[in-house]
Amino acid sequence: MFINCMKKVQTLRNRKDHKTEMQATLMMIMIRLVKKHFTIESRKWQKGLCKLIFHD
């Protein structure tokens, strides 16, 4: 799940579209925040963020 997010962030970055660039940046910030508190709870957070940002 988490790795999928990272891959998506990379693809978004490569697209060079303004909206996706913002999504990617947002995702990176969130990932950094969540990584600091890497617990079961943060796993749920990551899934939620992926859904929120990438709508899947």
Protein backbone atom coordinates (compact mmCIF):
# COMPACT_ATOMS: atom_id res chain seq x y z
CA MET A 1 0.00 0.00 0.00
CA PHE A 2 2.63 2.48 1.11
CA ILE A 3 4.95 1.53 -1.76
CA ASN A 4 2.08 2.02 -4.21
CA CYS A 5 1.73 5.55 -2.90
CA MET A 6 5.42 6.19 -3.46
CA LYS A 7 5.18 4.86 -7.02
CA LYS A 8 2.17 7.08 -7.67
CA VAL A 9 4.04 10.07 -6.31
CA GLN A 10 6.88 9.31 -8.74
CA THR A 11 4.52 8.96 -11.71
CA LEU A 12 2.79 12.21 -10.78
CA ARG A 13 6.13 13.97 -10.51
CA ASN A 14 7.11 12.72 -13.96
CA ARG A 15 3.90 14.01 -15.54
CA LYS A 16 4.79 17.66 -14.93
CA ASP A 17 1.15 18.63 -14.64
CA HIS A 18 0.54 21.45 -12.17
CA LYS A 19 -2.29 19.72 -10.31
CA THR A 20 -0.50 16.40 -10.05
CA GLU A 21 2.69 18.19 -9.03
CA MET A 22 0.79 19.65 -6.10
CA GLN A 23 -0.67 16.25 -5.22
CA ALA A 24 2.79 14.72 -5.28
CA THR A 25 4.23 17.43 -3.07
CA LEU A 26 1.32 17.10 -0.65
CA MET A 27 1.78 13.35 -0.59
CA MET A 28 5.51 13.68 0.14
CA ILE A 29 4.81 16.02 3.06
CA MET A 30 2.18 13.65 4.43
CA ILE A 31 4.47 10.66 4.01
CA ARG A 32 7.25 12.43 5.91
CA LEU A 33 4.88 13.30 8.73
CA VAL A 34 3.46 9.80 8.88
CA LYS A 35 6.88 8.11 8.68
CA LYS A 36 7.89 9.74 11.94
CA HIS A 37 5.06 7.95 13.71
CA PHE A 38 5.15 4.64 11.89
CA THR A 39 2.55 2.64 13.77
CA ILE A 40 -0.56 0.67 12.88
CA GLU A 41 -2.45 3.94 13.22
CA SER A 42 -0.23 5.65 10.65
CA ARG A 43 -0.84 2.76 8.26
CA LYS A 44 -4.54 3.62 8.35
CA TRP A 45 -3.58 7.23 7.78
CA GLN A 46 -1.53 6.36 4.70
CA LYS A 47 -4.39 4.37 3.21
CA GLY A 48 -6.74 7.24 3.91
CA LEU A 49 -4.38 9.77 2.36
CA CYS A 50 -3.89 7.65 -0.73
CA LYS A 51 -7.64 7.40 -1.16
CA LEU A 52 -8.09 11.10 -0.54
CA ILE A 53 -5.37 12.26 -2.89
CA PHE A 54 -5.53 9.62 -5.61
CA HIS A 55 -9.22 8.67 -5.34
CA ASP A 56 -8.73 4.91 -5.49
